[in-house]
Amino acid sequence: MRHTKGLVPCLVLVLAAAIAAPPPAHAQDFLTGAVRSASGQAVPSVWVVLIQGATEQGRSLTGDDGKYYIGGLKSGDYVVQVKRGDAVLLRSTVHVPVSGNYDLRLP
């Protein structure tokens, strides 16, 4: 046990450094929220698609609660589409990162 005595302070320093370290510069952002109908009801089983330029950057199928999550994004402006099949139900723009949720309300 005598030779492990010096190991504890080293582990404490390593853990403290890891906790205090800022996030890496290449950290990626995400977009999350819910799709709601005009009356406020959750809209399940629709695609939320993010497009930047002419390239799709991510998509998520809403759950029974209308919620979606798209990760692995870089900061910037995106076109957001809510789609059912090939039909575009809503088109909007968003800047990532956003604070909190980005809820979408269908007309």
Protein backbone atom coordinates (compact mmCIF):
# COMPACT_ATOMS: atom_id res chain seq x y z
CA MET A 1 0.00 0.00 0.00
CA ARG A 2 2.97 2.30 0.56
CA HIS A 3 3.77 2.64 -3.15
CA THR A 4 0.20 3.74 -4.06
CA LYS A 5 0.22 6.62 -1.58
CA GLY A 6 1.63 9.09 -4.15
CA LEU A 7 -0.86 7.99 -6.80
CA VAL A 8 -3.88 9.64 -5.14
CA PRO A 9 -2.58 13.24 -5.43
CA CYS A 10 -1.69 12.60 -9.09
CA LEU A 11 -5.20 11.34 -9.84
CA VAL A 12 -6.71 14.36 -8.10
CA LEU A 13 -4.60 16.70 -10.24
CA VAL A 14 -5.52 14.89 -13.46
CA LEU A 15 -9.23 14.97 -12.60
CA ALA A 16 -9.09 18.65 -11.62
CA ALA A 17 -7.37 19.52 -14.90
CA ALA A 18 -9.94 17.58 -16.91
CA ILE A 19 -12.84 19.32 -15.15
CA ALA A 20 -11.32 22.80 -15.53
CA ALA A 21 -10.30 22.40 -19.18
CA PRO A 22 -12.38 24.36 -21.70
CA PRO A 23 -14.26 22.40 -24.36
CA PRO A 24 -12.23 21.65 -27.47
CA ALA A 25 -12.35 24.25 -30.25
CA HIS A 26 -13.82 21.66 -32.62
CA ALA A 27 -16.80 20.93 -30.35
CA GLN A 28 -19.94 20.42 -32.37
CA ASP A 29 -23.34 21.89 -31.77
CA PHE A 30 -26.80 20.38 -31.88
CA LEU A 31 -30.35 21.43 -32.54
CA THR A 32 -33.26 20.09 -30.52
CA GLY A 33 -36.89 20.95 -30.04
CA ALA A 34 -40.40 19.83 -30.87
CA VAL A 35 -42.72 20.06 -33.85
CA ARG A 36 -46.23 21.23 -32.96
CA SER A 37 -49.43 21.67 -34.93
CA ALA A 38 -51.15 25.07 -35.16
CA SER A 39 -53.24 24.03 -32.12
CA GLY A 40 -50.12 23.10 -30.11
CA GLN A 41 -50.37 19.31 -30.38
CA ALA A 42 -47.20 17.24 -30.83
CA VAL A 43 -46.62 16.12 -34.42
CA PRO A 44 -45.08 12.63 -34.49
CA SER A 45 -43.38 10.86 -37.39
CA VAL A 46 -42.30 13.86 -39.46
CA TRP A 47 -38.73 14.54 -40.58
CA VAL A 48 -36.85 17.62 -39.42
CA VAL A 49 -34.13 18.21 -42.02
CA LEU A 50 -31.25 20.71 -41.79
CA ILE A 51 -29.73 22.04 -45.00
CA GLN A 52 -26.71 24.30 -45.36
CA GLY A 53 -25.93 25.51 -48.86
CA ALA A 54 -27.23 22.73 -51.07
CA THR A 55 -26.20 19.92 -48.71
CA GLU A 56 -28.28 18.11 -46.11
CA GLN A 57 -26.41 18.30 -42.80
CA GLY A 58 -28.69 16.17 -40.64
CA ARG A 59 -32.17 14.86 -40.07
CA SER A 60 -34.31 13.48 -37.28
CA LEU A 61 -37.66 11.73 -37.19
CA THR A 62 -39.91 13.17 -34.48
CA GLY A 63 -41.07 10.87 -31.72
CA ASP A 64 -44.58 10.46 -30.33
CA ASP A 65 -43.97 13.64 -28.32
CA GLY A 66 -42.99 15.60 -31.47
CA LYS A 67 -39.40 15.98 -30.26
CA TYR A 68 -36.31 15.81 -32.43
CA TYR A 69 -32.53 16.01 -31.99
CA ILE A 70 -29.86 16.62 -34.63
CA GLY A 71 -26.24 16.55 -33.49
CA GLY A 72 -22.82 16.92 -35.07
CA LEU A 73 -23.46 20.40 -36.45
CA LYS A 74 -21.06 23.26 -37.01
CA SER A 75 -22.02 26.83 -36.14
CA GLY A 76 -23.79 28.64 -38.94
CA ASP A 77 -27.08 29.32 -40.67
CA TYR A 78 -29.29 26.42 -41.71
CA VAL A 79 -32.55 25.97 -43.59
CA VAL A 80 -34.90 23.82 -41.51
CA GLN A 81 -37.55 21.78 -43.27
CA VAL A 82 -40.32 19.74 -41.69
CA LYS A 83 -41.27 16.99 -44.13
CA ARG A 84 -43.79 14.19 -44.38
CA GLY A 85 -42.73 12.02 -47.27
CA ASP A 86 -41.77 14.39 -50.09
CA ALA A 87 -44.12 17.15 -48.89
CA VAL A 88 -42.48 20.12 -47.16
CA LEU A 89 -44.82 21.19 -44.36
CA LEU A 90 -42.66 24.04 -43.07
CA ARG A 91 -39.49 25.82 -44.12
CA SER A 92 -37.60 28.14 -41.77
CA THR A 93 -34.07 29.32 -41.02
CA VAL A 94 -32.07 28.98 -37.84
CA HIS A 95 -28.63 29.95 -36.64
CA VAL A 96 -26.72 27.25 -34.76
CA PRO A 97 -25.85 27.41 -31.94
CA VAL A 98 -29.16 28.44 -30.46
CA SER A 99 -29.91 28.67 -26.77
CA GLY A 100 -32.45 26.16 -25.57
CA ASN A 101 -34.90 24.41 -27.87
CA TYR A 102 -35.91 25.41 -31.36
CA ASP A 103 -39.58 24.48 -31.53
CA LEU A 104 -41.33 24.44 -34.88
CA ARG A 105 -45.04 25.21 -35.30
CA LEU A 106 -46.83 24.06 -38.43
CA PRO A 107 -49.31 26.45 -40.06
